[in-house]
C-alpha cells in the first residue's frame, strides 16, 4: 500500500486577507497573497496550505481541511467508499495545471481531501 503524506492544509478564516497576519506574526509563516481570495502560507519543515473564507457558502469552508497526496484520486475514492467513507465532492481539476483534488468523509464524519499532483512527464 502506498503511503499518502499530508501535502496541504486549509485553515478557513473569517477575514482571510487580514487574519493571515496572526499566523505570520505568531508562528513566522510566510504569506503569499498573490491569489485573490485565497492567501497561501508556507511553514519551514511542514506542509503549506491556504486560508479560504470561513463559512458554509459555495466557496467557503466550515473547518480545517487536510489534503493527502495520492497517485490516483478515483482509486482512492473507491477505497474510501469500500471502507465506510463517502465522497463529498468528486474530482476537481485545479486551474493552471496544478493537479486535482476531491473531498471525502471518513467513517467518523471527518471531512478530508485527497490531492493528485499534476503529471509533469506529459508537459
PDB file of N, CA and C in Angstrom:
ATOM      1  N   UNK A   1       0.846  -1.174   0.000  1.00  0.00           N
ATOM      2  CA  UNK A   1       0.000   0.000   0.000  1.00  0.00           C
ATOM      3  C   UNK A   1       0.893   1.239   0.000  1.00  0.00           C
ATOM      4  N   UNK A   2       0.581   2.190  -0.865  1.00  0.00           N
ATOM      5  CA  UNK A   2       1.340   3.441  -0.941  1.00  0.00           C
ATOM      6  C   UNK A   2       1.002   4.324   0.258  1.00  0.00           C
ATOM      7  N   UNK A   3       2.004   5.002   0.768  1.00  0.00           N
ATOM      8  CA  UNK A   3       1.799   5.946   1.867  1.00  0.00           C
ATOM      9  C   UNK A   3       1.377   7.284   1.282  1.00  0.00           C
ATOM     10  N   UNK A   4       0.373   7.911   1.873  1.00  0.00           N
ATOM     11  CA  UNK A   4      -0.142   9.194   1.392  1.00  0.00           C
ATOM     12  C   UNK A   4       0.197  10.285   2.401  1.00  0.00           C
ATOM     13  N   UNK A   5       1.225  11.102   2.105  1.00  0.00           N
ATOM     14  CA  UNK A   5       1.617  12.145   3.054  1.00  0.00           C
ATOM     15  C   UNK A   5       0.641  13.324   3.052  1.00  0.00           C
ATOM     16  N   UNK A   6       0.645  14.067   4.149  1.00  0.00           N
ATOM     17  CA  UNK A   6      -0.101  15.327   4.211  1.00  0.00           C
ATOM     18  C   UNK A   6       0.672  16.331   3.372  1.00  0.00           C
ATOM     19  N   UNK A   7       0.010  16.953   2.390  1.00  0.00           N
ATOM     20  CA  UNK A   7       0.695  17.873   1.490  1.00  0.00           C
ATOM     21  C   UNK A   7       0.138  19.287   1.536  1.00  0.00           C
ATOM     22  N   UNK A   8      -1.011  19.490   2.158  1.00  0.00           N
ATOM     23  CA  UNK A   8      -1.637  20.809   2.150  1.00  0.00           C
ATOM     24  C   UNK A   8      -2.667  20.837   3.273  1.00  0.00           C
ATOM     25  N   UNK A   9      -2.790  21.980   3.948  1.00  0.00           N
ATOM     26  CA  UNK A   9      -3.803  22.139   4.988  1.00  0.00           C
ATOM     27  C   UNK A   9      -4.481  23.489   4.782  1.00  0.00           C
ATOM     28  N   UNK A  10      -5.803  23.467   4.627  1.00  0.00           N
ATOM     29  CA  UNK A  10      -6.571  24.705   4.542  1.00  0.00           C
ATOM     30  C   UNK A  10      -7.059  25.072   5.935  1.00  0.00           C
ATOM     31  N   UNK A  11      -6.851  26.332   6.310  1.00  0.00           N
ATOM     32  CA  UNK A  11      -7.310  26.853   7.590  1.00  0.00           C
ATOM     33  C   UNK A  11      -8.251  28.012   7.280  1.00  0.00           C
ATOM     34  N   UNK A  12      -9.572  27.803   7.350  1.00  0.00           N
ATOM     35  CA  UNK A  12     -10.504  28.861   6.998  1.00  0.00           C
ATOM     36  C   UNK A  12     -10.477  30.000   8.012  1.00  0.00           C
ATOM     37  N   UNK A  13     -10.537  31.215   7.506  1.00  0.00           N
ATOM     38  CA  UNK A  13     -10.515  32.419   8.338  1.00  0.00           C
ATOM     39  C   UNK A  13     -11.720  33.292   8.016  1.00  0.00           C
ATOM     40  N   UNK A  14     -12.210  34.013   9.019  1.00  0.00           N
ATOM     41  CA  UNK A  14     -13.337  34.923   8.791  1.00  0.00           C
ATOM     42  C   UNK A  14     -12.962  36.030   7.820  1.00  0.00           C
ATOM     43  N   UNK A  15     -11.733  36.526   7.939  1.00  0.00           N
ATOM     44  CA  UNK A  15     -11.248  37.585   7.058  1.00  0.00           C
ATOM     45  C   UNK A  15      -9.858  37.187   6.573  1.00  0.00           C
ATOM     46  N   UNK A  16      -9.795  36.332   5.547  1.00  0.00           N
ATOM     47  CA  UNK A  16      -8.504  35.785   5.116  1.00  0.00           C
ATOM     48  C   UNK A  16      -7.450  36.839   4.788  1.00  0.00           C
ATOM     49  N   UNK A  17      -7.851  37.957   4.194  1.00  0.00           N
ATOM     50  CA  UNK A  17      -6.869  38.961   3.801  1.00  0.00           C
ATOM     51  C   UNK A  17      -6.185  39.592   5.020  1.00  0.00           C
ATOM     52  N   UNK A  18      -6.911  39.764   6.123  1.00  0.00           N
ATOM     53  CA  UNK A  18      -6.343  40.413   7.309  1.00  0.00           C
ATOM     54  C   UNK A  18      -5.862  39.414   8.367  1.00  0.00           C
ATOM     55  N   UNK A  19      -6.609  38.333   8.556  1.00  0.00           N
ATOM     56  CA  UNK A  19      -6.298  37.408   9.649  1.00  0.00           C
ATOM     57  C   UNK A  19      -5.048  36.573   9.413  1.00  0.00           C
ATOM     58  N   UNK A  20      -4.506  36.601   8.208  1.00  0.00           N
ATOM     59  CA  UNK A  20      -3.252  35.888   7.954  1.00  0.00           C
ATOM     60  C   UNK A  20      -2.106  36.472   8.776  1.00  0.00           C
ATOM     61  N   UNK A  21      -2.236  37.749   9.155  1.00  0.00           N
ATOM     62  CA  UNK A  21      -1.193  38.387   9.972  1.00  0.00           C
ATOM     63  C   UNK A  21      -0.969  37.635  11.280  1.00  0.00           C
ATOM     64  N   UNK A  22      -2.019  37.060  11.831  1.00  0.00           N
ATOM     65  CA  UNK A  22      -1.903  36.281  13.067  1.00  0.00           C
ATOM     66  C   UNK A  22      -0.887  35.157  12.893  1.00  0.00           C
ATOM     67  N   UNK A  23      -1.015  34.389  11.816  1.00  0.00           N
ATOM     68  CA  UNK A  23      -0.114  33.258  11.582  1.00  0.00           C
ATOM     69  C   UNK A  23       1.297  33.717  11.227  1.00  0.00           C
ATOM     70  N   UNK A  24       1.391  34.814  10.512  1.00  0.00           N
ATOM     71  CA  UNK A  24       2.711  35.373  10.194  1.00  0.00           C
ATOM     72  C   UNK A  24       3.405  35.847  11.471  1.00  0.00           C
ATOM     73  N   UNK A  25       2.694  36.609  12.293  1.00  0.00           N
ATOM     74  CA  UNK A  25       3.295  37.219  13.475  1.00  0.00           C
ATOM     75  C   UNK A  25       3.540  36.233  14.607  1.00  0.00           C
ATOM     76  N   UNK A  26       2.646  35.294  14.822  1.00  0.00           N
ATOM     77  CA  UNK A  26       2.781  34.353  15.940  1.00  0.00           C
ATOM     78  C   UNK A  26       3.700  33.184  15.597  1.00  0.00           C
ATOM     79  N   UNK A  27       3.599  32.655  14.363  1.00  0.00           N
ATOM     80  CA  UNK A  27       4.318  31.430  14.008  1.00  0.00           C
ATOM     81  C   UNK A  27       5.423  31.615  12.972  1.00  0.00           C
ATOM     82  N   UNK A  28       5.554  32.813  12.421  1.00  0.00           N
ATOM     83  CA  UNK A  28       6.611  33.083  11.462  1.00  0.00           C
ATOM     84  C   UNK A  28       6.380  32.509  10.082  1.00  0.00           C
ATOM     85  N   UNK A  29       5.120  32.202   9.743  1.00  0.00           N
ATOM     86  CA  UNK A  29       4.820  31.645   8.436  1.00  0.00           C
ATOM     87  C   UNK A  29       4.974  32.706   7.356  1.00  0.00           C
ATOM     88  N   UNK A  30       5.393  32.272   6.173  1.00  0.00           N
ATOM     89  CA  UNK A  30       5.465  33.150   5.005  1.00  0.00           C
ATOM     90  C   UNK A  30       4.081  33.177   4.358  1.00  0.00           C
ATOM     91  N   UNK A  31       3.579  34.363   4.059  1.00  0.00           N
ATOM     92  CA  UNK A  31       2.249  34.514   3.475  1.00  0.00           C
ATOM     93  C   UNK A  31       2.378  35.014   2.037  1.00  0.00           C
ATOM     94  N   UNK A  32       1.648  34.369   1.128  1.00  0.00           N
ATOM     95  CA  UNK A  32       1.610  34.764  -0.273  1.00  0.00           C
ATOM     96  C   UNK A  32       0.167  35.159  -0.591  1.00  0.00           C
ATOM     97  N   UNK A  33      -0.055  36.452  -0.810  1.00  0.00           N
ATOM     98  CA  UNK A  33      -1.407  36.958  -1.083  1.00  0.00           C
ATOM     99  C   UNK A  33      -1.638  37.239  -2.562  1.00  0.00           C
ATOM    100  N   UNK A  34      -0.871  36.611  -3.432  1.00  0.00           N
ATOM    101  CA  UNK A  34      -0.988  36.900  -4.866  1.00  0.00           C
ATOM    102  C   UNK A  34      -2.259  36.328  -5.497  1.00  0.00           C
ATOM    103  N   UNK A  35      -2.904  35.343  -4.862  1.00  0.00           N
ATOM    104  CA  UNK A  35      -4.135  34.781  -5.396  1.00  0.00           C
ATOM    105  C   UNK A  35      -5.313  35.429  -4.661  1.00  0.00           C
ATOM    106  N   UNK A  36      -6.083  36.289  -5.334  1.00  0.00           N
ATOM    107  CA  UNK A  36      -7.193  36.982  -4.671  1.00  0.00           C
ATOM    108  C   UNK A  36      -8.170  36.017  -4.004  1.00  0.00           C
ATOM    109  N   UNK A  37      -8.501  36.294  -2.752  1.00  0.00           N
ATOM    110  CA  UNK A  37      -9.471  35.495  -2.024  1.00  0.00           C
ATOM    111  C   UNK A  37      -8.947  34.197  -1.445  1.00  0.00           C
ATOM    112  N   UNK A  38      -7.671  33.887  -1.674  1.00  0.00           N
ATOM    113  CA  UNK A  38      -7.116  32.636  -1.155  1.00  0.00           C
ATOM    114  C   UNK A  38      -5.627  32.822  -0.853  1.00  0.00           C
ATOM    115  N   UNK A  39      -5.313  33.568   0.229  1.00  0.00           N
ATOM    116  CA  UNK A  39      -3.898  33.681   0.607  1.00  0.00           C
ATOM    117  C   UNK A  39      -3.347  32.298   0.936  1.00  0.00           C
ATOM    118  N   UNK A  40      -2.080  32.102   0.633  1.00  0.00           N
ATOM    119  CA  UNK A  40      -1.437  30.820   0.914  1.00  0.00           C
ATOM    120  C   UNK A  40      -0.291  31.041   1.892  1.00  0.00           C
ATOM    121  N   UNK A  41       0.083  29.971   2.583  1.00  0.00           N
ATOM    122  CA  UNK A  41       1.181  30.068   3.540  1.00  0.00           C
ATOM    123  C   UNK A  41       2.171  28.941   3.318  1.00  0.00           C
ATOM    124  N   UNK A  42       3.375  29.175   3.780  1.00  0.00           N
ATOM    125  CA  UNK A  42       4.378  28.111   3.834  1.00  0.00           C
ATOM    126  C   UNK A  42       5.053  28.212   5.190  1.00  0.00           C
ATOM    127  N   UNK A  43       5.367  27.058   5.729  1.00  0.00           N
ATOM    128  CA  UNK A  43       5.992  26.976   7.037  1.00  0.00           C
ATOM    129  C   UNK A  43       7.157  26.005   6.930  1.00  0.00           C
ATOM    130  N   UNK A  44       8.329  26.468   7.264  1.00  0.00           N
ATOM    131  CA  UNK A  44       9.517  25.624   7.146  1.00  0.00           C
ATOM    132  C   UNK A  44       9.332  24.326   7.911  1.00  0.00           C
ATOM    133  N   UNK A  45       9.635  23.217   7.250  1.00  0.00           N
ATOM    134  CA  UNK A  45       9.563  21.916   7.900  1.00  0.00           C
ATOM    135  C   UNK A  45       8.206  21.240   7.842  1.00  0.00           C
ATOM    136  N   UNK A  46       7.228  21.883   7.268  1.00  0.00           N
ATOM    137  CA  UNK A  46       5.902  21.274   7.229  1.00  0.00           C
ATOM    138  C   UNK A  46       5.201  21.562   5.929  1.00  0.00           C
ATOM    139  N   UNK A  47       4.033  20.979   5.755  1.00  0.00           N
ATOM    140  CA  UNK A  47       3.302  21.280   4.531  1.00  0.00           C
ATOM    141  C   UNK A  47       2.780  22.710   4.583  1.00  0.00           C
ATOM    142  N   UNK A  48       2.579  23.282   3.443  1.00  0.00           N
ATOM    143  CA  UNK A  48       1.952  24.593   3.362  1.00  0.00           C
ATOM    144  C   UNK A  48       0.466  24.434   3.216  1.00  0.00           C
ATOM    145  N   UNK A  49      -0.180  25.529   2.887  1.00  0.00           N
ATOM    146  CA  UNK A  49      -1.618  25.461   2.717  1.00  0.00           C
ATOM    147  C   UNK A  49      -2.192  26.798   2.349  1.00  0.00           C
ATOM    148  N   UNK A  50      -3.488  26.924   2.582  1.00  0.00           N
ATOM    149  CA  UNK A  50      -4.177  28.146   2.227  1.00  0.00           C
ATOM    150  C   UNK A  50      -5.148  28.581   3.293  1.00  0.00           C
ATOM    151  N   UNK A  51      -5.629  29.807   3.118  1.00  0.00           N
ATOM    152  CA  UNK A  51      -6.597  30.411   4.033  1.00  0.00           C
ATOM    153  C   UNK A  51      -7.867  30.752   3.259  1.00  0.00           C
ATOM    154  N   UNK A  52      -8.781  29.784   3.085  1.00  0.00           N
ATOM    155  CA  UNK A  52     -10.048  30.086   2.413  1.00  0.00           C
ATOM    156  C   UNK A  52     -10.978  30.865   3.345  1.00  0.00           C
ATOM    157  N   UNK A  53     -12.072  31.338   2.789  1.00  0.00           N
ATOM    158  CA  UNK A  53     -13.095  32.033   3.574  1.00  0.00           C
ATOM    159  C   UNK A  53     -13.800  31.039   4.486  1.00  0.00           C
ATOM    160  N   UNK A  54     -13.959  31.376   5.758  1.00  0.00           N
ATOM    161  CA  UNK A  54     -14.667  30.519   6.715  1.00  0.00           C
ATOM    162  C   UNK A  54     -16.170  30.706   6.532  1.00  0.00           C
ATOM    163  N   UNK A  55     -16.905  29.618   6.566  1.00  0.00           N
ATOM    164  CA  UNK A  55     -18.360  29.689   6.463  1.00  0.00           C
ATOM    165  C   UNK A  55     -18.917  28.473   5.767  1.00  0.00           C
ATOM    166  N   UNK A  56     -20.145  28.606   5.281  1.00  0.00           N
ATOM    167  CA  UNK A  56     -20.835  27.487   4.648  1.00  0.00           C
ATOM    168  C   UNK A  56     -21.305  27.779   3.235  1.00  0.00           C
ATOM    169  N   UNK A  57     -20.882  28.887   2.624  1.00  0.00           N
ATOM    170  CA  UNK A  57     -21.299  29.230   1.269  1.00  0.00           C
ATOM    171  C   UNK A  57     -20.609  28.360   0.240  1.00  0.00           C
ATOM    172  N   UNK A  58     -20.887  28.591  -1.044  1.00  0.00           N
ATOM    173  CA  UNK A  58     -20.332  27.750  -2.105  1.00  0.00           C
ATOM    174  C   UNK A  58     -18.798  27.774  -2.166  1.00  0.00           C
ATOM    175  N   UNK A  59     -18.173  28.883  -1.858  1.00  0.00           N
ATOM    176  CA  UNK A  59     -16.716  28.973  -1.886  1.00  0.00           C
ATOM    177  C   UNK A  59     -16.119  28.951  -0.481  1.00  0.00           C
ATOM    178  N   UNK A  60     -16.941  28.834   0.540  1.00  0.00           N
ATOM    179  CA  UNK A  60     -16.474  28.893   1.926  1.00  0.00           C
ATOM    180  C   UNK A  60     -16.239  27.494   2.485  1.00  0.00           C
ATOM    181  N   UNK A  61     -15.494  27.435   3.565  1.00  0.00           N
ATOM    182  CA  UNK A  61     -15.149  26.165   4.195  1.00  0.00           C
ATOM    183  C   UNK A  61     -15.474  26.259   5.690  1.00  0.00           C
ATOM    184  N   UNK A  62     -16.184  25.283   6.248  1.00  0.00           N
ATOM    185  CA  UNK A  62     -16.576  25.373   7.649  1.00  0.00           C
ATOM    186  C   UNK A  62     -15.464  25.066   8.654  1.00  0.00           C
ATOM    187  N   UNK A  63     -14.483  24.264   8.283  1.00  0.00           N
ATOM    188  CA  UNK A  63     -13.439  23.889   9.235  1.00  0.00           C
ATOM    189  C   UNK A  63     -12.142  23.537   8.532  1.00  0.00           C
ATOM    190  N   UNK A  64     -11.125  23.241   9.323  1.00  0.00           N
ATOM    191  CA  UNK A  64      -9.804  22.888   8.784  1.00  0.00           C
ATOM    192  C   UNK A  64      -9.924  21.641   7.912  1.00  0.00           C
ATOM    193  N   UNK A  65      -9.212  21.657   6.791  1.00  0.00           N
ATOM    194  CA  UNK A  65      -9.233  20.500   5.893  1.00  0.00           C
ATOM    195  C   UNK A  65      -7.795  20.092   5.564  1.00  0.00           C
ATOM    196  N   UNK A  66      -7.516  18.810   5.749  1.00  0.00           N
ATOM    197  CA  UNK A  66      -6.202  18.233   5.469  1.00  0.00           C
ATOM    198  C   UNK A  66      -6.264  17.523   4.123  1.00  0.00           C
ATOM    199  N   UNK A  67      -5.220  17.728   3.288  1.00  0.00           N
ATOM    200  CA  UNK A  67      -5.136  17.112   1.966  1.00  0.00           C
ATOM    201  C   UNK A  67      -4.035  16.053   1.975  1.00  0.00           C
ATOM    202  N   UNK A  68      -4.380  14.856   1.545  1.00  0.00           N
ATOM    203  CA  UNK A  68      -3.443  13.744   1.477  1.00  0.00           C
ATOM    204  C   UNK A  68      -3.111  13.463   0.013  1.00  0.00           C
ATOM    205  N   UNK A  69      -1.833  13.355  -0.305  1.00  0.00           N
ATOM    206  CA  UNK A  69      -1.447  13.104  -1.694  1.00  0.00           C
ATOM    207  C   UNK A  69      -1.631  11.636  -2.034  1.00  0.00           C
ATOM    208  N   UNK A  70      -2.255  11.391  -3.182  1.00  0.00           N
ATOM    209  CA  UNK A  70      -2.484  10.031  -3.679  1.00  0.00           C
ATOM    210  C   UNK A  70      -2.067   9.971  -5.151  1.00  0.00           C
ATOM    211  N   UNK A  71      -1.714   8.781  -5.638  1.00  0.00           N
ATOM    212  CA  UNK A  71      -1.341   8.674  -7.044  1.00  0.00           C
ATOM    213  C   UNK A  71      -2.543   8.747  -7.988  1.00  0.00           C
ATOM    214  N   UNK A  72      -3.746   8.392  -7.480  1.00  0.00           N
ATOM    215  CA  UNK A  72      -4.925   8.349  -8.333  1.00  0.00           C
ATOM    216  C   UNK A  72      -6.158   8.660  -7.489  1.00  0.00           C
ATOM    217  N   UNK A  73      -6.799   9.784  -7.760  1.00  0.00           N
ATOM    218  CA  UNK A  73      -7.956  10.207  -6.964  1.00  0.00           C
ATOM    219  C   UNK A  73      -9.104   9.213  -7.049  1.00  0.00           C
ATOM    220  N   UNK A  74      -9.425   8.769  -8.237  1.00  0.00           N
ATOM    221  CA  UNK A  74     -10.571   7.874  -8.394  1.00  0.00           C
ATOM    222  C   UNK A  74     -10.359   6.570  -7.623  1.00  0.00           C
ATOM    223  N   UNK A  75      -9.147   6.013  -7.677  1.00  0.00           N
ATOM    224  CA  UNK A  75      -8.847   4.781  -6.926  1.00  0.00           C
ATOM    225  C   UNK A  75      -8.948   5.026  -5.430  1.00  0.00           C
ATOM    226  N   UNK A  76      -8.455   6.177  -4.975  1.00  0.00           N
ATOM    227  CA  UNK A  76      -8.529   6.495  -3.540  1.00  0.00           C
ATOM    228  C   UNK A  76      -9.979   6.621  -3.092  1.00  0.00           C
ATOM    229  N   UNK A  77     -10.813   7.283  -3.896  1.00  0.00           N
ATOM    230  CA  UNK A  77     -12.220   7.431  -3.520  1.00  0.00           C
ATOM    231  C   UNK A  77     -12.942   6.086  -3.503  1.00  0.00           C
ATOM    232  N   UNK A  78     -12.581   5.182  -4.416  1.00  0.00           N
ATOM    233  CA  UNK A  78     -13.170   3.826  -4.372  1.00  0.00           C
ATOM    234  C   UNK A  78     -12.824   3.154  -3.046  1.00  0.00           C
ATOM    235  N   UNK A  79     -11.562   3.266  -2.621  1.00  0.00           N
ATOM    236  CA  UNK A  79     -11.152   2.652  -1.355  1.00  0.00           C
ATOM    237  C   UNK A  79     -11.863   3.312  -0.176  1.00  0.00           C
ATOM    238  N   UNK A  80     -12.002   4.634  -0.215  1.00  0.00           N
ATOM    239  CA  UNK A  80     -12.726   5.347   0.844  1.00  0.00           C
ATOM    240  C   UNK A  80     -14.125   4.764   0.992  1.00  0.00           C
ATOM    241  N   UNK A  81     -14.834   4.622  -0.130  1.00  0.00           N
ATOM    242  CA  UNK A  81     -16.211   4.144  -0.086  1.00  0.00           C
ATOM    243  C   UNK A  81     -16.304   2.667   0.280  1.00  0.00           C
ATOM    244  N   UNK A  82     -15.348   1.851  -0.168  1.00  0.00           N
ATOM    245  CA  UNK A  82     -15.339   0.429   0.186  1.00  0.00           C
ATOM    246  C   UNK A  82     -15.128   0.217   1.686  1.00  0.00           C
ATOM    247  N   UNK A  83     -14.509   1.183   2.336  1.00  0.00           N
ATOM    248  CA  UNK A  83     -14.186   1.043   3.757  1.00  0.00           C
ATOM    249  C   UNK A  83     -15.060   1.914   4.663  1.00  0.00           C
ATOM    250  N   UNK A  84     -16.218   2.337   4.160  1.00  0.00           N
ATOM    251  CA  UNK A  84     -17.200   3.002   5.007  1.00  0.00           C
ATOM    252  C   UNK A  84     -17.203   4.518   4.955  1.00  0.00           C
ATOM    253  N   UNK A  85     -16.360   5.125   4.128  1.00  0.00           N
ATOM    254  CA  UNK A  85     -16.390   6.572   3.962  1.00  0.00           C
ATOM    255  C   UNK A  85     -17.298   6.936   2.803  1.00  0.00           C
ATOM    256  N   UNK A  86     -17.370   8.218   2.493  1.00  0.00           N
ATOM    257  CA  UNK A  86     -18.174   8.623   1.341  1.00  0.00           C
ATOM    258  C   UNK A  86     -17.535   9.813   0.640  1.00  0.00           C
ATOM    259  N   UNK A  87     -17.761   9.886  -0.648  1.00  0.00           N
ATOM    260  CA  UNK A  87     -17.287  11.011  -1.446  1.00  0.00           C
ATOM    261  C   UNK A  87     -18.224  12.186  -1.212  1.00  0.00           C
ATOM    262  N   UNK A  88     -17.650  13.333  -0.885  1.00  0.00           N
ATOM    263  CA  UNK A  88     -18.433  14.554  -0.682  1.00  0.00           C
ATOM    264  C   UNK A  88     -18.398  15.400  -1.951  1.00  0.00           C
ATOM    265  N   UNK A  89     -17.212  15.576  -2.510  1.00  0.00           N
ATOM    266  CA  UNK A  89     -17.023  16.334  -3.751  1.00  0.00           C
ATOM    267  C   UNK A  89     -16.117  15.515  -4.653  1.00  0.00           C
ATOM    268  N   UNK A  90     -16.608  15.082  -5.823  1.00  0.00           N
ATOM    269  CA  UNK A  90     -15.743  14.316  -6.724  1.00  0.00           C
ATOM    270  C   UNK A  90     -14.600  15.176  -7.265  1.00  0.00           C
ATOM    271  N   UNK A  91     -13.738  14.568  -8.007  1.00  0.00           N
ATOM    272  CA  UNK A  91     -12.530  15.197  -8.547  1.00  0.00           C
ATOM    273  C   UNK A  91     -12.795  16.580  -9.141  1.00  0.00           C
ATOM    274  N   UNK A  92     -11.946  17.531  -8.747  1.00  0.00           N
ATOM    275  CA  UNK A  92     -11.948  18.880  -9.317  1.00  0.00           C
ATOM    276  C   UNK A  92     -10.526  19.162  -9.786  1.00  0.00           C
ATOM    277  N   UNK A  93     -10.375  19.482 -11.061  1.00  0.00           N
ATOM    278  CA  UNK A  93      -9.059  19.850 -11.587  1.00  0.00           C
ATOM    279  C   UNK A  93      -8.776  21.300 -11.203  1.00  0.00           C
ATOM    280  N   UNK A  94      -7.589  21.553 -10.690  1.00  0.00           N
ATOM    281  CA  UNK A  94      -7.192  22.891 -10.256  1.00  0.00           C
ATOM    282  C   UNK A  94      -6.717  23.675 -11.472  1.00  0.00           C
ATOM    283  N   UNK A  95      -7.221  24.899 -11.605  1.00  0.00           N
ATOM    284  CA  UNK A  95      -6.845  25.748 -12.744  1.00  0.00           C
ATOM    285  C   UNK A  95      -5.336  25.908 -12.845  1.00  0.00           C
ATOM    286  N   UNK A  96      -4.860  26.023 -14.056  1.00  0.00           N
ATOM    287  CA  UNK A  96      -3.440  26.261 -14.282  1.00  0.00           C
ATOM    288  C   UNK A  96      -2.585  25.009 -14.242  1.00  0.00           C
ATOM    289  N   UNK A  97      -3.213  23.840 -14.277  1.00  0.00           N
ATOM    290  CA  UNK A  97      -2.444  22.603 -14.281  1.00  0.00           C
ATOM    291  C   UNK A  97      -1.759  22.288 -12.972  1.00  0.00           C
ATOM    292  N   UNK A  98      -2.397  22.656 -11.852  1.00  0.00           N
ATOM    293  CA  UNK A  98      -1.797  22.437 -10.529  1.00  0.00           C
ATOM    294  C   UNK A  98      -2.281  21.160  -9.854  1.00  0.00           C
ATOM    295  N   UNK A  99      -2.771  20.219 -10.631  1.00  0.00           N
ATOM    296  CA  UNK A  99      -3.226  18.955 -10.065  1.00  0.00           C
ATOM    297  C   UNK A  99      -4.737  18.933  -9.908  1.00  0.00           C
ATOM    298  N   UNK A 100      -5.205  18.063  -9.022  1.00  0.00           N
ATOM    299  CA  UNK A 100      -6.637  17.900  -8.797  1.00  0.00           C
ATOM    300  C   UNK A 100      -6.861  17.464  -7.362  1.00  0.00           C
ATOM    301  N   UNK A 101      -8.104  17.641  -6.887  1.00  0.00           N
ATOM    302  CA  UNK A 101      -8.440  17.177  -5.545  1.00  0.00           C
ATOM    303  C   UNK A 101      -9.879  16.705  -5.509  1.00  0.00           C
ATOM    304  N   UNK A 102     -10.218  15.987  -4.456  1.00  0.00           N
ATOM    305  CA  UNK A 102     -11.588  15.562  -4.181  1.00  0.00           C
ATOM    306  C   UNK A 102     -11.749  15.543  -2.668  1.00  0.00           C
ATOM    307  N   UNK A 103     -12.969  15.720  -2.217  1.00  0.00           N
ATOM    308  CA  UNK A 103     -13.249  15.773  -0.778  1.00  0.00           C
ATOM    309  C   UNK A 103     -14.020  14.514  -0.383  1.00  0.00           C
ATOM    310  N   UNK A 104     -13.658  13.970   0.779  1.00  0.00           N
ATOM    311  CA  UNK A 104     -14.348  12.781   1.276  1.00  0.00           C
ATOM    312  C   UNK A 104     -14.613  12.921   2.766  1.00  0.00           C
ATOM    313  N   UNK A 105     -15.503  12.064   3.252  1.00  0.00           N
ATOM    314  CA  UNK A 105     -15.803  11.994   4.674  1.00  0.00           C
ATOM    315  C   UNK A 105     -15.402  10.608   5.157  1.00  0.00           C
ATOM    316  N   UNK A 106     -14.664  10.557   6.261  1.00  0.00           N
ATOM    317  CA  UNK A 106     -14.274   9.264   6.810  1.00  0.00           C
ATOM    318  C   UNK A 106     -15.432   8.682   7.621  1.00  0.00           C
ATOM    319  N   UNK A 107     -15.338   7.421   8.082  1.00  0.00           N
ATOM    320  CA  UNK A 107     -16.450   6.811   8.815  1.00  0.00           C
ATOM    321  C   UNK A 107     -16.836   7.550  10.097  1.00  0.00           C
ATOM    322  N   UNK A 108     -15.947   8.388  10.636  1.00  0.00           N
ATOM    323  CA  UNK A 108     -16.256   9.153  11.849  1.00  0.00           C
ATOM    324  C   UNK A 108     -16.844  10.525  11.545  1.00  0.00           C
ATOM    325  N   UNK A 109     -16.997  10.854  10.262  1.00  0.00           N
ATOM    326  CA  UNK A 109     -17.592  12.126   9.888  1.00  0.00           C
ATOM    327  C   UNK A 109     -16.608  13.259   9.660  1.00  0.00           C
ATOM    328  N   UNK A 110     -15.295  12.968   9.711  1.00  0.00           N
ATOM    329  CA  UNK A 110     -14.294  13.994   9.429  1.00  0.00           C
ATOM    330  C   UNK A 110     -14.222  14.241   7.935  1.00  0.00           C
ATOM    331  N   UNK A 111     -14.186  15.504   7.537  1.00  0.00           N
ATOM    332  CA  UNK A 111     -14.066  15.862   6.131  1.00  0.00           C
ATOM    333  C   UNK A 111     -12.602  16.102   5.816  1.00  0.00           C
ATOM    334  N   UNK A 112     -12.088  15.359   4.845  1.00  0.00           N
ATOM    335  CA  UNK A 112     -10.698  15.429   4.420  1.00  0.00           C
ATOM    336  C   UNK A 112     -10.688  15.540   2.894  1.00  0.00           C
ATOM    337  N   UNK A 113      -9.483  15.620   2.320  1.00  0.00           N
ATOM    338  CA  UNK A 113      -9.379  15.680   0.867  1.00  0.00           C
ATOM    339  C   UNK A 113      -8.193  14.856   0.400  1.00  0.00           C
ATOM    340  N   UNK A 114      -8.274  14.406  -0.839  1.00  0.00           N
ATOM    341  CA  UNK A 114      -7.145  13.760  -1.495  1.00  0.00           C
ATOM    342  C   UNK A 114      -6.695  14.681  -2.621  1.00  0.00           C
ATOM    343  N   UNK A 115      -5.393  14.691  -2.853  1.00  0.00           N
ATOM    344  CA  UNK A 115      -4.790  15.556  -3.866  1.00  0.00           C
ATOM    345  C   UNK A 115      -3.941  14.698  -4.787  1.00  0.00           C
ATOM    346  N   UNK A 116      -4.067  14.916  -6.089  1.00  0.00           N
ATOM    347  CA  UNK A 116      -3.250  14.238  -7.080  1.00  0.00           C
ATOM    348  C   UNK A 116      -2.416  15.302  -7.783  1.00  0.00           C
ATOM    349  N   UNK A 117      -1.099  15.153  -7.700  1.00  0.00           N
ATOM    350  CA  UNK A 117      -0.184  16.103  -8.321  1.00  0.00           C
ATOM    351  C   UNK A 117      -0.335  16.061  -9.839  1.00  0.00           C
ATOM    352  N   UNK A 118       0.013  17.160 -10.514  1.00  0.00           N
ATOM    353  CA  UNK A 118      -0.066  17.150 -11.980  1.00  0.00           C
ATOM    354  C   UNK A 118       0.957  16.183 -12.568  1.00  0.00           C
ATOM    355  N   UNK A 119       0.618  15.645 -13.709  1.00  0.00           N
ATOM    356  CA  UNK A 119       1.525  14.740 -14.412  1.00  0.00           C
ATOM    357  C   UNK A 119       2.470  15.594 -15.241  1.00  0.00           C
ATOM    358  N   UNK A 120       3.656  15.819 -14.724  1.00  0.00           N
ATOM    359  CA  UNK A 120       4.619  16.700 -15.396  1.00  0.00           C
ATOM    360  C   UNK A 120       5.342  16.016 -16.555  1.00  0.00           C
ATOM    361  N   UNK A 121       5.302  14.701 -16.627  1.00  0.00           N
ATOM    362  CA  UNK A 121       6.019  13.997 -17.693  1.00  0.00           C
ATOM    363  C   UNK A 121       5.379  14.211 -19.059  1.00  0.00           C
ATOM    364  N   UNK A 122       4.092  14.575 -19.085  1.00  0.00           N
ATOM    365  CA  UNK A 122       3.415  14.782 -20.365  1.00  0.00           C
ATOM    366  C   UNK A 122       3.439  16.242 -20.797  1.00  0.00           C
ATOM    367  N   UNK A 123       4.118  17.094 -20.044  1.00  0.00           N
ATOM    368  CA  UNK A 123       4.155  18.522 -20.374  1.00  0.00           C
ATOM    369  C   UNK A 123       5.457  18.920 -20.967  1.00  0.00           C
TER     370      UNK A 123
END
